[in-house]
Amino acid sequence: MVVGGKAKGLLYNVRKGLILEEILVRKNIKLSCLSALVCILFLQTSYAAIYPFEIFTDNGNFNNDPGVNVWMEVSNGDNIVEFTFYNDSTVQSTVTNIYFDDGTLIGATLSIINGAGTLFAEDGPNNIPGGEEIFFDADREFNVGAEPPPSSNGINHIGIGEWVTIEFELVGGTLENVLNELNLGTLRVGLHIQDFTDGSSESAVNIVPEPATMCLLALGGLILRKRK
């Protein structure tokens, strides 16, 4: 799918705004019951969902820094599911490795689609650093990592909209089934984030947004996908 520069820029800016909405919701700014209900009903027909990541290691000064903002969009195509990763951090950082834990519906990797400024390939049989702390056991055949030097070829916080997409075939299920596994925690996605200014690196895992916020995130993705 080819997206024009103006449309992709609009898509990026709206998604970024929706991620900020998630931060506000986590600070206990509540949506009205009516708004939440409308969003929940709309989510049932959406084509994508967006998940932020939360750092679970404590290796330096950035594990709780609000300037670290990495997230993924999960969407579908013809018998495939796509995971697209972004780094909107305001602090120096680079996403260098991506890991998948369990999940029964994704099959062999179909392809890795690199955006401008990124160069990822299938990686070696390693678990996410610190994964034992949260019982994260990566499916080694699905590991993806930035080519050397990773600080240049990973998803950097600089440069507007750096991203990478990983496509999997769907095995006996739909996008809705994959999202259910993500929401239940039976499928988890992990990131290794490097290149912090103190020399540290951290590991992060996807988190499930508040229900109303998840709907808003999906709504924004759907509206812009229909513009393409």
Foldseek 3Di string as FASTA:
>chain_A
DDDDPVLVLVLQVLLVVLLVVLVVVVVVPDDDPVLLVVLLVQVVPFFKWKWWKAFDDDWDDPNPPPQWTKIWMWGDDVQKIKIKIATQGPFWKFWFKKFKAADDWFDQWDDKAFDPQAAKDQDAQDFDVVCVVVVGHGPNRPMMGTDPPSSRHTRTNDDPTGMMMIMTGTDPDDSVSVVVCPQVVNMKMKTWMADGPVRDITMIITDDGDSSSRSVSSVSNRVSVVVD
